[in-house]
Amino acid sequence: MRLPLIKHITNFIAENDQDYVLETIETLENLIESDNVKDEELDVIGELLSNFYGAIEVDKTIKEGKSQREALNEFMGRVVGCIDR
């Protein structure tokens, strides 16, 4: 997960609509089911999916009333906390 990408996607959601991101997630998840996708491509798609899902979580926190900065820091804190376990 990369915080700058999550922030960029969160800004996109704010300017447009979360549905675009949800549809992109559905498309990428469908794509990984193809037998024609190489391992390297799966890695890239997986990284993109993690950033999209992270942005959805950050957007949810923003809608609950936190600032983007607070939401991003809280999200990354949860991610790092999970990794440290």
PDB file of N, CA and C in Angstrom:
ATOM      1  N   MET A   1       0.843  -1.188   0.000  1.00  0.00           N
ATOM      2  CA  MET A   1       0.000   0.000   0.000  1.00  0.00           C
ATOM      3  C   MET A   1       0.877   1.235   0.000  1.00  0.00           C
ATOM      4  N   ARG A   2       0.451   2.178  -0.773  1.00  0.00           N
ATOM      5  CA  ARG A   2       1.215   3.427  -0.847  1.00  0.00           C
ATOM      6  C   ARG A   2       0.284   4.583  -0.514  1.00  0.00           C
ATOM      7  N   LEU A   3       0.643   5.291   0.546  1.00  0.00           N
ATOM      8  CA  LEU A   3      -0.173   6.393   1.040  1.00  0.00           C
ATOM      9  C   LEU A   3      -0.441   7.461  -0.015  1.00  0.00           C
ATOM     10  N   PRO A   4       0.546   7.867  -0.836  1.00  0.00           N
ATOM     11  CA  PRO A   4       0.247   8.883  -1.859  1.00  0.00           C
ATOM     12  C   PRO A   4      -0.821   8.425  -2.865  1.00  0.00           C
ATOM     13  N   LEU A   5      -0.815   7.134  -3.203  1.00  0.00           N
ATOM     14  CA  LEU A   5      -1.831   6.627  -4.120  1.00  0.00           C
ATOM     15  C   LEU A   5      -3.203   6.585  -3.456  1.00  0.00           C
ATOM     16  N   ILE A   6      -3.240   6.171  -2.207  1.00  0.00           N
ATOM     17  CA  ILE A   6      -4.505   6.139  -1.473  1.00  0.00           C
ATOM     18  C   ILE A   6      -5.070   7.550  -1.362  1.00  0.00           C
ATOM     19  N   LYS A   7      -4.208   8.514  -1.085  1.00  0.00           N
ATOM     20  CA  LYS A   7      -4.648   9.906  -1.003  1.00  0.00           C
ATOM     21  C   LYS A   7      -5.179  10.379  -2.355  1.00  0.00           C
ATOM     22  N   HIS A   8      -4.496  10.032  -3.424  1.00  0.00           N
ATOM     23  CA  HIS A   8      -4.922  10.433  -4.766  1.00  0.00           C
ATOM     24  C   HIS A   8      -6.293   9.831  -5.099  1.00  0.00           C
ATOM     25  N   ILE A   9      -6.469   8.564  -4.798  1.00  0.00           N
ATOM     26  CA  ILE A   9      -7.752   7.905  -5.070  1.00  0.00           C
ATOM     27  C   ILE A   9      -8.849   8.500  -4.190  1.00  0.00           C
ATOM     28  N   THR A  10      -8.524   8.822  -2.953  1.00  0.00           N
ATOM     29  CA  THR A  10      -9.501   9.452  -2.060  1.00  0.00           C
ATOM     30  C   THR A  10      -9.934  10.806  -2.611  1.00  0.00           C
ATOM     31  N   ASN A  11      -8.996  11.563  -3.159  1.00  0.00           N
ATOM     32  CA  ASN A  11      -9.346  12.837  -3.794  1.00  0.00           C
ATOM     33  C   ASN A  11     -10.254  12.611  -4.999  1.00  0.00           C
ATOM     34  N   PHE A  12      -9.977  11.571  -5.769  1.00  0.00           N
ATOM     35  CA  PHE A  12     -10.825  11.229  -6.913  1.00  0.00           C
ATOM     36  C   PHE A  12     -12.244  10.927  -6.452  1.00  0.00           C
ATOM     37  N   ILE A  13     -12.371  10.163  -5.377  1.00  0.00           N
ATOM     38  CA  ILE A  13     -13.693   9.835  -4.833  1.00  0.00           C
ATOM     39  C   ILE A  13     -14.423  11.107  -4.421  1.00  0.00           C
ATOM     40  N   ALA A  14     -13.720  12.026  -3.779  1.00  0.00           N
ATOM     41  CA  ALA A  14     -14.333  13.275  -3.326  1.00  0.00           C
ATOM     42  C   ALA A  14     -14.821  14.120  -4.499  1.00  0.00           C
ATOM     43  N   GLU A  15     -14.072  14.109  -5.588  1.00  0.00           N
ATOM     44  CA  GLU A  15     -14.424  14.914  -6.759  1.00  0.00           C
ATOM     45  C   GLU A  15     -15.460  14.238  -7.647  1.00  0.00           C
ATOM     46  N   ASN A  16     -15.531  12.929  -7.592  1.00  0.00           N
ATOM     47  CA  ASN A  16     -16.420  12.186  -8.482  1.00  0.00           C
ATOM     48  C   ASN A  16     -17.424  11.380  -7.674  1.00  0.00           C
ATOM     49  N   ASP A  17     -17.183  10.099  -7.581  1.00  0.00           N
ATOM     50  CA  ASP A  17     -18.108   9.224  -6.875  1.00  0.00           C
ATOM     51  C   ASP A  17     -17.389   7.927  -6.528  1.00  0.00           C
ATOM     52  N   GLN A  18     -17.702   7.393  -5.383  1.00  0.00           N
ATOM     53  CA  GLN A  18     -17.094   6.148  -4.928  1.00  0.00           C
ATOM     54  C   GLN A  18     -17.445   4.982  -5.861  1.00  0.00           C
ATOM     55  N   ASP A  19     -18.571   5.074  -6.556  1.00  0.00           N
ATOM     56  CA  ASP A  19     -18.994   3.995  -7.449  1.00  0.00           C
ATOM     57  C   ASP A  19     -17.964   3.689  -8.525  1.00  0.00           C
ATOM     58  N   TYR A  20     -17.261   4.705  -9.012  1.00  0.00           N
ATOM     59  CA  TYR A  20     -16.225   4.474 -10.020  1.00  0.00           C
ATOM     60  C   TYR A  20     -15.145   3.542  -9.474  1.00  0.00           C
ATOM     61  N   VAL A  21     -14.750   3.779  -8.242  1.00  0.00           N
ATOM     62  CA  VAL A  21     -13.704   2.965  -7.623  1.00  0.00           C
ATOM     63  C   VAL A  21     -14.224   1.554  -7.352  1.00  0.00           C
ATOM     64  N   LEU A  22     -15.452   1.440  -6.879  1.00  0.00           N
ATOM     65  CA  LEU A  22     -16.028   0.126  -6.627  1.00  0.00           C
ATOM     66  C   LEU A  22     -16.140  -0.693  -7.911  1.00  0.00           C
ATOM     67  N   GLU A  23     -16.516  -0.041  -8.999  1.00  0.00           N
ATOM     68  CA  GLU A  23     -16.594  -0.739 -10.287  1.00  0.00           C
ATOM     69  C   GLU A  23     -15.211  -1.148 -10.787  1.00  0.00           C
ATOM     70  N   THR A  24     -14.226  -0.317 -10.542  1.00  0.00           N
ATOM     71  CA  THR A  24     -12.850  -0.659 -10.915  1.00  0.00           C
ATOM     72  C   THR A  24     -12.378  -1.878 -10.124  1.00  0.00           C
ATOM     73  N   ILE A  25     -12.692  -1.908  -8.840  1.00  0.00           N
ATOM     74  CA  ILE A  25     -12.334  -3.048  -7.997  1.00  0.00           C
ATOM     75  C   ILE A  25     -12.981  -4.327  -8.543  1.00  0.00           C
ATOM     76  N   GLU A  26     -14.259  -4.249  -8.876  1.00  0.00           N
ATOM     77  CA  GLU A  26     -14.953  -5.415  -9.422  1.00  0.00           C
ATOM     78  C   GLU A  26     -14.299  -5.893 -10.717  1.00  0.00           C
ATOM     79  N   THR A  27     -13.916  -4.943 -11.566  1.00  0.00           N
ATOM     80  CA  THR A  27     -13.277  -5.286 -12.837  1.00  0.00           C
ATOM     81  C   THR A  27     -11.941  -5.969 -12.602  1.00  0.00           C
ATOM     82  N   LEU A  28     -11.121  -5.412 -11.724  1.00  0.00           N
ATOM     83  CA  LEU A  28      -9.811  -6.001 -11.449  1.00  0.00           C
ATOM     84  C   LEU A  28      -9.938  -7.374 -10.795  1.00  0.00           C
ATOM     85  N   GLU A  29     -10.901  -7.525  -9.885  1.00  0.00           N
ATOM     86  CA  GLU A  29     -11.104  -8.826  -9.253  1.00  0.00           C
ATOM     87  C   GLU A  29     -11.542  -9.866 -10.274  1.00  0.00           C
ATOM     88  N   ASN A  30     -12.339  -9.462 -11.243  1.00  0.00           N
ATOM     89  CA  ASN A  30     -12.745 -10.374 -12.307  1.00  0.00           C
ATOM     90  C   ASN A  30     -11.551 -10.731 -13.190  1.00  0.00           C
ATOM     91  N   LEU A  31     -10.709  -9.756 -13.448  1.00  0.00           N
ATOM     92  CA  LEU A  31      -9.552  -9.960 -14.313  1.00  0.00           C
ATOM     93  C   LEU A  31      -8.580 -10.983 -13.739  1.00  0.00           C
ATOM     94  N   ILE A  32      -8.397 -10.985 -12.431  1.00  0.00           N
ATOM     95  CA  ILE A  32      -7.430 -11.908 -11.827  1.00  0.00           C
ATOM     96  C   ILE A  32      -7.878 -13.361 -11.922  1.00  0.00           C
ATOM     97  N   GLU A  33      -9.129 -13.585 -12.249  1.00  0.00           N
ATOM     98  CA  GLU A  33      -9.621 -14.947 -12.415  1.00  0.00           C
ATOM     99  C   GLU A  33      -9.219 -15.549 -13.761  1.00  0.00           C
ATOM    100  N   SER A  34      -8.728 -14.713 -14.660  1.00  0.00           N
ATOM    101  CA  SER A  34      -8.323 -15.193 -15.979  1.00  0.00           C
ATOM    102  C   SER A  34      -7.045 -16.015 -15.893  1.00  0.00           C
ATOM    103  N   ASP A  35      -7.007 -17.095 -16.648  1.00  0.00           N
ATOM    104  CA  ASP A  35      -5.802 -17.934 -16.706  1.00  0.00           C
ATOM    105  C   ASP A  35      -4.681 -17.266 -17.503  1.00  0.00           C
ATOM    106  N   ASN A  36      -5.002 -16.203 -18.213  1.00  0.00           N
ATOM    107  CA  ASN A  36      -4.036 -15.543 -19.089  1.00  0.00           C
ATOM    108  C   ASN A  36      -3.254 -14.425 -18.412  1.00  0.00           C
ATOM    109  N   VAL A  37      -3.493 -14.212 -17.138  1.00  0.00           N
ATOM    110  CA  VAL A  37      -2.783 -13.160 -16.404  1.00  0.00           C
ATOM    111  C   VAL A  37      -1.525 -13.761 -15.788  1.00  0.00           C
ATOM    112  N   LYS A  38      -0.394 -13.130 -16.050  1.00  0.00           N
ATOM    113  CA  LYS A  38       0.904 -13.613 -15.544  1.00  0.00           C
ATOM    114  C   LYS A  38       1.070 -13.257 -14.072  1.00  0.00           C
ATOM    115  N   ASP A  39       1.991 -13.925 -13.414  1.00  0.00           N
ATOM    116  CA  ASP A  39       2.240 -13.691 -11.992  1.00  0.00           C
ATOM    117  C   ASP A  39       2.630 -12.246 -11.710  1.00  0.00           C
ATOM    118  N   GLU A  40       3.478 -11.681 -12.569  1.00  0.00           N
ATOM    119  CA  GLU A  40       3.902 -10.286 -12.373  1.00  0.00           C
ATOM    120  C   GLU A  40       2.697  -9.345 -12.473  1.00  0.00           C
ATOM    121  N   GLU A  41       1.808  -9.647 -13.397  1.00  0.00           N
ATOM    122  CA  GLU A  41       0.603  -8.823 -13.566  1.00  0.00           C
ATOM    123  C   GLU A  41      -0.329  -8.979 -12.367  1.00  0.00           C
ATOM    124  N   LEU A  42      -0.408 -10.187 -11.830  1.00  0.00           N
ATOM    125  CA  LEU A  42      -1.213 -10.410 -10.625  1.00  0.00           C
ATOM    126  C   LEU A  42      -0.687  -9.583  -9.451  1.00  0.00           C
ATOM    127  N   ASP A  43       0.633  -9.491  -9.342  1.00  0.00           N
ATOM    128  CA  ASP A  43       1.233  -8.684  -8.274  1.00  0.00           C
ATOM    129  C   ASP A  43       0.827  -7.222  -8.403  1.00  0.00           C
ATOM    130  N   VAL A  44       0.878  -6.705  -9.616  1.00  0.00           N
ATOM    131  CA  VAL A  44       0.510  -5.299  -9.862  1.00  0.00           C
ATOM    132  C   VAL A  44      -0.972  -5.082  -9.576  1.00  0.00           C
ATOM    133  N   ILE A  45      -1.803  -5.995 -10.064  1.00  0.00           N
ATOM    134  CA  ILE A  45      -3.244  -5.866  -9.830  1.00  0.00           C
ATOM    135  C   ILE A  45      -3.542  -5.941  -8.333  1.00  0.00           C
ATOM    136  N   GLY A  46      -2.858  -6.836  -7.622  1.00  0.00           N
ATOM    137  CA  GLY A  46      -3.041  -6.949  -6.175  1.00  0.00           C
ATOM    138  C   GLY A  46      -2.667  -5.665  -5.450  1.00  0.00           C
ATOM    139  N   GLU A  47      -1.584  -5.051  -5.883  1.00  0.00           N
ATOM    140  CA  GLU A  47      -1.163  -3.780  -5.278  1.00  0.00           C
ATOM    141  C   GLU A  47      -2.192  -2.684  -5.549  1.00  0.00           C
ATOM    142  N   LEU A  48      -2.692  -2.633  -6.771  1.00  0.00           N
ATOM    143  CA  LEU A  48      -3.727  -1.656  -7.101  1.00  0.00           C
ATOM    144  C   LEU A  48      -4.976  -1.883  -6.256  1.00  0.00           C
ATOM    145  N   LEU A  49      -5.393  -3.139  -6.139  1.00  0.00           N
ATOM    146  CA  LEU A  49      -6.580  -3.443  -5.337  1.00  0.00           C
ATOM    147  C   LEU A  49      -6.404  -3.015  -3.891  1.00  0.00           C
ATOM    148  N   SER A  50      -5.231  -3.250  -3.319  1.00  0.00           N
ATOM    149  CA  SER A  50      -5.020  -2.853  -1.925  1.00  0.00           C
ATOM    150  C   SER A  50      -5.106  -1.340  -1.761  1.00  0.00           C
ATOM    151  N   ASN A  51      -4.616  -0.600  -2.750  1.00  0.00           N
ATOM    152  CA  ASN A  51      -4.718   0.856  -2.687  1.00  0.00           C
ATOM    153  C   ASN A  51      -6.165   1.333  -2.856  1.00  0.00           C
ATOM    154  N   PHE A  52      -6.906   0.692  -3.757  1.00  0.00           N
ATOM    155  CA  PHE A  52      -8.317   1.054  -3.932  1.00  0.00           C
ATOM    156  C   PHE A  52      -9.119   0.755  -2.666  1.00  0.00           C
ATOM    157  N   TYR A  53      -8.914  -0.428  -2.086  1.00  0.00           N
ATOM    158  CA  TYR A  53      -9.619  -0.763  -0.857  1.00  0.00           C
ATOM    159  C   TYR A  53      -9.225   0.176   0.283  1.00  0.00           C
ATOM    160  N   GLY A  54      -7.950   0.538   0.342  1.00  0.00           N
ATOM    161  CA  GLY A  54      -7.510   1.501   1.354  1.00  0.00           C
ATOM    162  C   GLY A  54      -8.199   2.841   1.197  1.00  0.00           C
ATOM    163  N   ALA A  55      -8.336   3.299  -0.043  1.00  0.00           N
ATOM    164  CA  ALA A  55      -9.004   4.574  -0.302  1.00  0.00           C
ATOM    165  C   ALA A  55     -10.476   4.517   0.096  1.00  0.00           C
ATOM    166  N   ILE A  56     -11.119   3.381  -0.125  1.00  0.00           N
ATOM    167  CA  ILE A  56     -12.521   3.217   0.277  1.00  0.00           C
ATOM    168  C   ILE A  56     -12.635   3.344   1.796  1.00  0.00           C
ATOM    169  N   GLU A  57     -11.709   2.723   2.516  1.00  0.00           N
ATOM    170  CA  GLU A  57     -11.710   2.807   3.984  1.00  0.00           C
ATOM    171  C   GLU A  57     -11.459   4.239   4.464  1.00  0.00           C
ATOM    172  N   VAL A  58     -10.511   4.915   3.839  1.00  0.00           N
ATOM    173  CA  VAL A  58     -10.209   6.299   4.216  1.00  0.00           C
ATOM    174  C   VAL A  58     -11.417   7.184   3.923  1.00  0.00           C
ATOM    175  N   ASP A  59     -12.048   6.992   2.777  1.00  0.00           N
ATOM    176  CA  ASP A  59     -13.239   7.776   2.426  1.00  0.00           C
ATOM    177  C   ASP A  59     -14.351   7.567   3.451  1.00  0.00           C
ATOM    178  N   LYS A  60     -14.523   6.335   3.913  1.00  0.00           N
ATOM    179  CA  LYS A  60     -15.529   6.034   4.925  1.00  0.00           C
ATOM    180  C   LYS A  60     -15.254   6.821   6.208  1.00  0.00           C
ATOM    181  N   THR A  61     -13.993   6.864   6.610  1.00  0.00           N
ATOM    182  CA  THR A  61     -13.612   7.593   7.820  1.00  0.00           C
ATOM    183  C   THR A  61     -13.821   9.095   7.642  1.00  0.00           C
ATOM    184  N   ILE A  62     -13.532   9.608   6.454  1.00  0.00           N
ATOM    185  CA  ILE A  62     -13.764  11.028   6.168  1.00  0.00           C
ATOM    186  C   ILE A  62     -15.249  11.347   6.273  1.00  0.00           C
ATOM    187  N   LYS A  63     -16.075  10.466   5.745  1.00  0.00           N
ATOM    188  CA  LYS A  63     -17.528  10.680   5.802  1.00  0.00           C
ATOM    189  C   LYS A  63     -18.062  10.608   7.224  1.00  0.00           C
ATOM    190  N   GLU A  64     -17.310   9.972   8.115  1.00  0.00           N
ATOM    191  CA  GLU A  64     -17.678   9.926   9.529  1.00  0.00           C
ATOM    192  C   GLU A  64     -17.270  11.194  10.265  1.00  0.00           C
ATOM    193  N   GLY A  65     -16.586  12.113   9.555  1.00  0.00           N
ATOM    194  CA  GLY A  65     -16.292  13.407  10.138  1.00  0.00           C
ATOM    195  C   GLY A  65     -14.831  13.742  10.368  1.00  0.00           C
ATOM    196  N   LYS A  66     -13.927  12.850  10.053  1.00  0.00           N
ATOM    197  CA  LYS A  66     -12.511  13.154  10.257  1.00  0.00           C
ATOM    198  C   LYS A  66     -11.956  13.860   9.022  1.00  0.00           C
ATOM    199  N   SER A  67     -10.864  14.592   9.236  1.00  0.00           N
ATOM    200  CA  SER A  67     -10.188  15.224   8.110  1.00  0.00           C
ATOM    201  C   SER A  67      -9.475  14.153   7.297  1.00  0.00           C
ATOM    202  N   GLN A  68      -9.121  14.486   6.060  1.00  0.00           N
ATOM    203  CA  GLN A  68      -8.416  13.524   5.221  1.00  0.00           C
ATOM    204  C   GLN A  68      -7.106  13.107   5.883  1.00  0.00           C
ATOM    205  N   ARG A  69      -6.411  14.057   6.428  1.00  0.00           N
ATOM    206  CA  ARG A  69      -5.127  13.759   7.076  1.00  0.00           C
ATOM    207  C   ARG A  69      -5.309  12.792   8.243  1.00  0.00           C
ATOM    208  N   GLU A  70      -6.298  13.069   9.098  1.00  0.00           N
ATOM    209  CA  GLU A  70      -6.572  12.185  10.231  1.00  0.00           C
ATOM    210  C   GLU A  70      -6.951  10.786   9.754  1.00  0.00           C
ATOM    211  N   ALA A  71      -7.807  10.738   8.728  1.00  0.00           N
ATOM    212  CA  ALA A  71      -8.276   9.457   8.200  1.00  0.00           C
ATOM    213  C   ALA A  71      -7.113   8.652   7.617  1.00  0.00           C
ATOM    214  N   LEU A  72      -6.244   9.317   6.865  1.00  0.00           N
ATOM    215  CA  LEU A  72      -5.083   8.638   6.284  1.00  0.00           C
ATOM    216  C   LEU A  72      -4.143   8.124   7.369  1.00  0.00           C
ATOM    217  N   ASN A  73      -3.861   8.956   8.369  1.00  0.00           N
ATOM    218  CA  ASN A  73      -2.964   8.546   9.463  1.00  0.00           C
ATOM    219  C   ASN A  73      -3.553   7.383  10.264  1.00  0.00           C
ATOM    220  N   GLU A  74      -4.859   7.454  10.518  1.00  0.00           N
ATOM    221  CA  GLU A  74      -5.522   6.385  11.262  1.00  0.00           C
ATOM    222  C   GLU A  74      -5.465   5.068  10.471  1.00  0.00           C
ATOM    223  N   PHE A  75      -5.731   5.156   9.185  1.00  0.00           N
ATOM    224  CA  PHE A  75      -5.694   3.959   8.342  1.00  0.00           C
ATOM    225  C   PHE A  75      -4.299   3.344   8.319  1.00  0.00           C
ATOM    226  N   MET A  76      -3.288   4.161   8.082  1.00  0.00           N
ATOM    227  CA  MET A  76      -1.926   3.637   8.030  1.00  0.00           C
ATOM    228  C   MET A  76      -1.493   3.093   9.382  1.00  0.00           C
ATOM    229  N   GLY A  77      -1.972   3.694  10.447  1.00  0.00           N
ATOM    230  CA  GLY A  77      -1.691   3.166  11.785  1.00  0.00           C
ATOM    231  C   GLY A  77      -2.253   1.761  11.967  1.00  0.00           C
ATOM    232  N   ARG A  78      -3.462   1.550  11.447  1.00  0.00           N
ATOM    233  CA  ARG A  78      -4.066   0.205  11.522  1.00  0.00           C
ATOM    234  C   ARG A  78      -3.278  -0.785  10.676  1.00  0.00           C
ATOM    235  N   VAL A  79      -2.851  -0.348   9.484  1.00  0.00           N
ATOM    236  CA  VAL A  79      -2.109  -1.235   8.598  1.00  0.00           C
ATOM    237  C   VAL A  79      -0.774  -1.616   9.250  1.00  0.00           C
ATOM    238  N   VAL A  80      -0.047  -0.637   9.748  1.00  0.00           N
ATOM    239  CA  VAL A  80       1.248  -0.907  10.376  1.00  0.00           C
ATOM    240  C   VAL A  80       1.051  -1.776  11.618  1.00  0.00           C
ATOM    241  N   GLY A  81      -0.014  -1.510  12.366  1.00  0.00           N
ATOM    242  CA  GLY A  81      -0.306  -2.316  13.544  1.00  0.00           C
ATOM    243  C   GLY A  81      -0.531  -3.768  13.202  1.00  0.00           C
ATOM    244  N   CYS A  82      -1.185  -4.032  12.085  1.00  0.00           N
ATOM    245  CA  CYS A  82      -1.419  -5.407  11.640  1.00  0.00           C
ATOM    246  C   CYS A  82      -0.139  -6.073  11.173  1.00  0.00           C
ATOM    247  N   ILE A  83       0.722  -5.307  10.547  1.00  0.00           N
ATOM    248  CA  ILE A  83       1.979  -5.861  10.045  1.00  0.00           C
ATOM    249  C   ILE A  83       2.910  -6.213  11.200  1.00  0.00           C
ATOM    250  N   ASP A  84       2.891  -5.392  12.254  1.00  0.00           N
ATOM    251  CA  ASP A  84       3.789  -5.611  13.393  1.00  0.00           C
ATOM    252  C   ASP A  84       3.433  -6.844  14.215  1.00  0.00           C
ATOM    253  N   ARG A  85       2.231  -7.355  14.065  1.00  0.00           N
ATOM    254  CA  ARG A  85       1.794  -8.502  14.880  1.00  0.00           C
ATOM    255  C   ARG A  85       2.496  -9.750  14.486  1.00  0.00           C
TER     256      ARG A  85
END
